[in-house]
Amino acid sequence: MIPSLIGGLIATVILALVYKNKEKKDKGVVFSYYKLSYRRKMIRTLWSIPILVILIIGISYLAELDLTQIIILAVFFLALDGIQFLYNYWKWKKLEQ
C-alpha cells in the first residue's frame, strides 16, 4: 500500500511540474486534470460528487461498516471535495480579475 501511495505522489508532482507553465484548456475534452483551467477543474470537482457517493456506498457495503464509520467516511471524502471546489473557485476568480 505504501509503495502505491508514494508512486501516486511522485506521479502527481511530475505531472504538476510538466504542466506548470503550459496553456490550460477551458473548452473541449481533456483527459489530464493538469491541463485544465481552474474553472474546468471546479466543474470536474462538481461532477465527482455522484462518483464519490457511489464509492462511499460501495466501500461501506464491501467493508461492512456501521453507520458511524459510513458517516465519518462520507464527511471526510465530501469535505475534501468541498475544499478542492473552493480552492479551484478562488483561483479561477483570482485569475479572472
N, C-alpha and C. Protein backbone atom coordinates (compact mmCIF):
# COMPACT_ATOMS: atom_id res chain seq x y z
N MET A 1 0.82 -1.19 0.00
CA MET A 1 0.00 0.00 0.00
C MET A 1 0.87 1.26 0.00
N ILE A 2 1.90 1.29 0.78
CA ILE A 2 2.77 2.47 0.86
C ILE A 2 3.50 2.71 -0.45
N PRO A 3 4.03 1.69 -1.14
CA PRO A 3 4.67 1.96 -2.44
C PRO A 3 3.70 2.58 -3.46
N SER A 4 2.44 2.16 -3.45
CA SER A 4 1.49 2.75 -4.40
C SER A 4 1.17 4.19 -4.03
N LEU A 5 1.13 4.51 -2.74
CA LEU A 5 0.92 5.90 -2.33
C LEU A 5 2.10 6.77 -2.75
N ILE A 6 3.29 6.27 -2.55
CA ILE A 6 4.49 7.01 -2.94
C ILE A 6 4.53 7.19 -4.46
N GLY A 7 4.18 6.15 -5.20
CA GLY A 7 4.14 6.24 -6.66
C GLY A 7 3.11 7.27 -7.12
N GLY A 8 1.95 7.29 -6.48
CA GLY A 8 0.93 8.27 -6.83
C GLY A 8 1.37 9.69 -6.54
N LEU A 9 2.03 9.89 -5.41
CA LEU A 9 2.54 11.22 -5.07
C LEU A 9 3.62 11.68 -6.05
N ILE A 10 4.49 10.76 -6.42
CA ILE A 10 5.55 11.09 -7.38
C ILE A 10 4.94 11.45 -8.74
N ALA A 11 3.96 10.67 -9.18
CA ALA A 11 3.30 10.96 -10.46
C ALA A 11 2.59 12.31 -10.41
N THR A 12 1.96 12.64 -9.29
CA THR A 12 1.28 13.92 -9.13
C THR A 12 2.27 15.07 -9.23
N VAL A 13 3.38 14.96 -8.55
CA VAL A 13 4.39 16.03 -8.57
C VAL A 13 4.96 16.19 -9.98
N ILE A 14 5.26 15.09 -10.65
CA ILE A 14 5.82 15.16 -12.00
C ILE A 14 4.84 15.82 -12.97
N LEU A 15 3.57 15.39 -12.94
CA LEU A 15 2.57 15.97 -13.84
C LEU A 15 2.33 17.45 -13.54
N ALA A 16 2.32 17.81 -12.27
CA ALA A 16 2.13 19.22 -11.91
C ALA A 16 3.29 20.07 -12.44
N LEU A 17 4.50 19.54 -12.36
CA LEU A 17 5.66 20.28 -12.87
C LEU A 17 5.67 20.36 -14.40
N VAL A 18 5.28 19.29 -15.05
CA VAL A 18 5.28 19.26 -16.52
C VAL A 18 4.29 20.28 -17.08
N TYR A 19 3.11 20.39 -16.48
CA TYR A 19 2.06 21.28 -16.99
C TYR A 19 2.01 22.62 -16.28
N LYS A 20 3.03 22.94 -15.48
CA LYS A 20 3.01 24.15 -14.65
C LYS A 20 2.83 25.43 -15.47
N ASN A 21 3.62 25.64 -16.47
CA ASN A 21 3.56 26.89 -17.24
C ASN A 21 2.95 26.71 -18.62
N LYS A 22 2.22 25.64 -18.83
CA LYS A 22 1.57 25.38 -20.11
C LYS A 22 0.21 26.08 -20.15
N GLU A 23 -0.28 26.30 -21.37
CA GLU A 23 -1.60 26.89 -21.53
C GLU A 23 -2.66 25.89 -21.11
N LYS A 24 -3.62 26.34 -20.34
CA LYS A 24 -4.68 25.47 -19.83
C LYS A 24 -5.88 25.50 -20.77
N LYS A 25 -6.57 24.37 -20.89
CA LYS A 25 -7.73 24.25 -21.77
C LYS A 25 -8.99 24.58 -20.98
N ASP A 26 -9.87 25.38 -21.60
CA ASP A 26 -11.13 25.72 -20.97
C ASP A 26 -12.32 25.17 -21.76
N LYS A 27 -12.06 24.62 -22.93
CA LYS A 27 -13.12 24.02 -23.75
C LYS A 27 -12.61 22.73 -24.36
N GLY A 28 -13.54 21.85 -24.67
CA GLY A 28 -13.17 20.60 -25.30
C GLY A 28 -12.89 19.51 -24.27
N VAL A 29 -12.61 18.33 -24.77
CA VAL A 29 -12.38 17.17 -23.92
C VAL A 29 -10.89 17.10 -23.59
N VAL A 30 -10.60 17.00 -22.30
CA VAL A 30 -9.23 16.88 -21.83
C VAL A 30 -9.18 15.78 -20.79
N PHE A 31 -8.30 14.82 -20.98
CA PHE A 31 -8.19 13.71 -20.02
C PHE A 31 -7.40 14.11 -18.79
N SER A 32 -6.30 14.81 -18.99
CA SER A 32 -5.41 15.15 -17.89
C SER A 32 -5.97 16.32 -17.07
N TYR A 33 -6.09 16.11 -15.78
CA TYR A 33 -6.57 17.14 -14.85
C TYR A 33 -5.65 18.35 -14.87
N TYR A 34 -4.38 18.14 -15.08
CA TYR A 34 -3.39 19.21 -15.01
C TYR A 34 -3.43 20.14 -16.22
N LYS A 35 -4.08 19.73 -17.30
CA LYS A 35 -4.21 20.58 -18.48
C LYS A 35 -5.42 21.50 -18.40
N LEU A 36 -6.24 21.35 -17.37
CA LEU A 36 -7.48 22.11 -17.27
C LEU A 36 -7.28 23.46 -16.61
N SER A 37 -8.13 24.42 -17.00
CA SER A 37 -8.15 25.71 -16.31
C SER A 37 -8.82 25.51 -14.95
N TYR A 38 -8.69 26.50 -14.08
CA TYR A 38 -9.30 26.37 -12.75
C TYR A 38 -10.82 26.26 -12.82
N ARG A 39 -11.43 26.93 -13.80
CA ARG A 39 -12.87 26.83 -13.97
C ARG A 39 -13.28 25.40 -14.33
N ARG A 40 -12.54 24.79 -15.23
CA ARG A 40 -12.84 23.41 -15.63
C ARG A 40 -12.52 22.42 -14.50
N LYS A 41 -11.47 22.71 -13.71
CA LYS A 41 -11.18 21.85 -12.56
C LYS A 41 -12.33 21.91 -11.56
N MET A 42 -12.89 23.10 -11.39
CA MET A 42 -14.02 23.27 -10.48
C MET A 42 -15.23 22.48 -10.98
N ILE A 43 -15.49 22.54 -12.26
CA ILE A 43 -16.62 21.79 -12.84
C ILE A 43 -16.38 20.29 -12.70
N ARG A 44 -15.17 19.84 -12.94
CA ARG A 44 -14.86 18.41 -12.79
C ARG A 44 -15.04 17.97 -11.35
N THR A 45 -14.70 18.84 -10.41
CA THR A 45 -14.89 18.52 -9.00
C THR A 45 -16.37 18.34 -8.69
N LEU A 46 -17.23 19.18 -9.26
CA LEU A 46 -18.67 19.02 -9.05
C LEU A 46 -19.17 17.70 -9.63
N TRP A 47 -18.62 17.32 -10.79
CA TRP A 47 -19.03 16.06 -11.41
C TRP A 47 -18.56 14.85 -10.61
N SER A 48 -17.58 15.02 -9.76
CA SER A 48 -17.08 13.89 -8.98
C SER A 48 -17.96 13.55 -7.78
N ILE A 49 -18.90 14.44 -7.41
CA ILE A 49 -19.74 14.19 -6.24
C ILE A 49 -20.58 12.92 -6.40
N PRO A 50 -21.29 12.71 -7.53
CA PRO A 50 -22.03 11.45 -7.66
C PRO A 50 -21.13 10.21 -7.62
N ILE A 51 -19.94 10.33 -8.18
CA ILE A 51 -18.98 9.21 -8.14
C ILE A 51 -18.57 8.93 -6.71
N LEU A 52 -18.34 9.99 -5.93
CA LEU A 52 -17.99 9.81 -4.51
C LEU A 52 -19.10 9.11 -3.74
N VAL A 53 -20.33 9.49 -4.01
CA VAL A 53 -21.46 8.87 -3.31
C VAL A 53 -21.52 7.38 -3.63
N ILE A 54 -21.34 7.04 -4.89
CA ILE A 54 -21.34 5.62 -5.29
C ILE A 54 -20.18 4.88 -4.63
N LEU A 55 -19.00 5.51 -4.59
CA LEU A 55 -17.85 4.88 -3.94
C LEU A 55 -18.08 4.68 -2.44
N ILE A 56 -18.66 5.66 -1.79
CA ILE A 56 -18.94 5.53 -0.36
C ILE A 56 -19.92 4.40 -0.10
N ILE A 57 -20.95 4.30 -0.91
CA ILE A 57 -21.92 3.21 -0.76
C ILE A 57 -21.24 1.86 -1.01
N GLY A 58 -20.42 1.78 -2.06
CA GLY A 58 -19.72 0.53 -2.37
C GLY A 58 -18.74 0.13 -1.28
N ILE A 59 -17.97 1.08 -0.79
CA ILE A 59 -17.00 0.78 0.27
C ILE A 59 -17.71 0.35 1.54
N SER A 60 -18.78 1.05 1.89
CA SER A 60 -19.49 0.69 3.12
C SER A 60 -20.14 -0.69 3.01
N TYR A 61 -20.59 -1.04 1.82
CA TYR A 61 -21.19 -2.37 1.63
C TYR A 61 -20.12 -3.47 1.67
N LEU A 62 -19.03 -3.27 0.95
CA LEU A 62 -17.99 -4.29 0.88
C LEU A 62 -17.24 -4.45 2.20
N ALA A 63 -17.02 -3.34 2.92
CA ALA A 63 -16.28 -3.41 4.18
C ALA A 63 -17.19 -3.66 5.37
N GLU A 64 -18.49 -3.72 5.12
CA GLU A 64 -19.49 -3.95 6.17
C GLU A 64 -19.29 -2.97 7.34
N LEU A 65 -19.31 -1.68 7.00
CA LEU A 65 -19.12 -0.64 8.00
C LEU A 65 -20.42 -0.34 8.72
N ASP A 66 -20.30 0.10 9.98
CA ASP A 66 -21.50 0.52 10.69
C ASP A 66 -21.81 1.98 10.33
N LEU A 67 -22.93 2.50 10.82
CA LEU A 67 -23.40 3.82 10.44
C LEU A 67 -22.40 4.92 10.79
N THR A 68 -21.78 4.83 11.95
CA THR A 68 -20.81 5.85 12.37
C THR A 68 -19.62 5.89 11.42
N GLN A 69 -19.11 4.75 11.05
CA GLN A 69 -17.98 4.69 10.13
C GLN A 69 -18.35 5.21 8.75
N ILE A 70 -19.56 4.92 8.31
CA ILE A 70 -20.01 5.41 7.00
C ILE A 70 -20.11 6.93 7.01
N ILE A 71 -20.64 7.48 8.09
CA ILE A 71 -20.76 8.94 8.20
C ILE A 71 -19.39 9.59 8.22
N ILE A 72 -18.45 9.03 8.97
CA ILE A 72 -17.09 9.57 9.02
C ILE A 72 -16.45 9.52 7.63
N LEU A 73 -16.60 8.40 6.94
CA LEU A 73 -16.06 8.25 5.59
C LEU A 73 -16.67 9.27 4.63
N ALA A 74 -17.99 9.42 4.69
CA ALA A 74 -18.68 10.35 3.80
C ALA A 74 -18.27 11.80 4.08
N VAL A 75 -18.21 12.17 5.35
CA VAL A 75 -17.82 13.54 5.69
C VAL A 75 -16.38 13.81 5.24
N PHE A 76 -15.50 12.85 5.43
CA PHE A 76 -14.11 13.02 5.02
C PHE A 76 -13.99 13.26 3.52
N PHE A 77 -14.59 12.37 2.72
CA PHE A 77 -14.47 12.49 1.27
C PHE A 77 -15.17 13.74 0.74
N LEU A 78 -16.36 14.03 1.27
CA LEU A 78 -17.09 15.21 0.79
C LEU A 78 -16.43 16.50 1.25
N ALA A 79 -15.80 16.51 2.42
CA ALA A 79 -15.06 17.69 2.87
C ALA A 79 -13.85 17.94 1.97
N LEU A 80 -13.13 16.88 1.61
CA LEU A 80 -12.00 17.04 0.69
C LEU A 80 -12.47 17.57 -0.66
N ASP A 81 -13.58 17.06 -1.15
CA ASP A 81 -14.13 17.52 -2.42
C ASP A 81 -14.56 18.98 -2.31
N GLY A 82 -15.16 19.35 -1.19
CA GLY A 82 -15.57 20.74 -0.98
C GLY A 82 -14.39 21.69 -0.92
N ILE A 83 -13.33 21.27 -0.24
CA ILE A 83 -12.12 22.09 -0.16
C ILE A 83 -11.51 22.27 -1.55
N GLN A 84 -11.47 21.20 -2.32
CA GLN A 84 -10.93 21.28 -3.68
C GLN A 84 -11.79 22.21 -4.54
N PHE A 85 -13.11 22.12 -4.41
CA PHE A 85 -14.01 23.00 -5.16
C PHE A 85 -13.76 24.47 -4.79
N LEU A 86 -13.70 24.77 -3.50
CA LEU A 86 -13.49 26.15 -3.05
C LEU A 86 -12.13 26.69 -3.51
N TYR A 87 -11.11 25.87 -3.45
CA TYR A 87 -9.78 26.28 -3.90
C TYR A 87 -9.79 26.63 -5.38
N ASN A 88 -10.38 25.75 -6.19
CA ASN A 88 -10.42 26.00 -7.63
C ASN A 88 -11.29 27.22 -7.96
N TYR A 89 -12.39 27.42 -7.23
CA TYR A 89 -13.23 28.59 -7.44
C TYR A 89 -12.46 29.86 -7.10
N TRP A 90 -11.76 29.85 -5.97
CA TRP A 90 -10.99 31.02 -5.55
C TRP A 90 -9.90 31.35 -6.57
N LYS A 91 -9.18 30.33 -7.04
CA LYS A 91 -8.11 30.56 -8.03
C LYS A 91 -8.69 31.05 -9.36
N TRP A 92 -9.84 30.51 -9.76
CA TRP A 92 -10.50 30.93 -11.01
C TRP A 92 -10.87 32.40 -10.94
N LYS A 93 -11.52 32.80 -9.84
CA LYS A 93 -11.93 34.19 -9.67
C LYS A 93 -10.72 35.12 -9.56
N LYS A 94 -9.66 34.65 -8.95
CA LYS A 94 -8.45 35.46 -8.81
C LYS A 94 -7.81 35.69 -10.19
N LEU A 95 -7.77 34.67 -11.03
CA LEU A 95 -7.19 34.82 -12.37
C LEU A 95 -8.10 35.62 -13.30
N GLU A 96 -9.40 35.61 -13.02
CA GLU A 96 -10.36 36.32 -13.86
C GLU A 96 -10.21 37.83 -13.72
N GLN A 97 -9.70 38.31 -12.59
CA GLN A 97 -9.58 39.75 -12.34
C GLN A 97 -8.48 40.38 -13.15
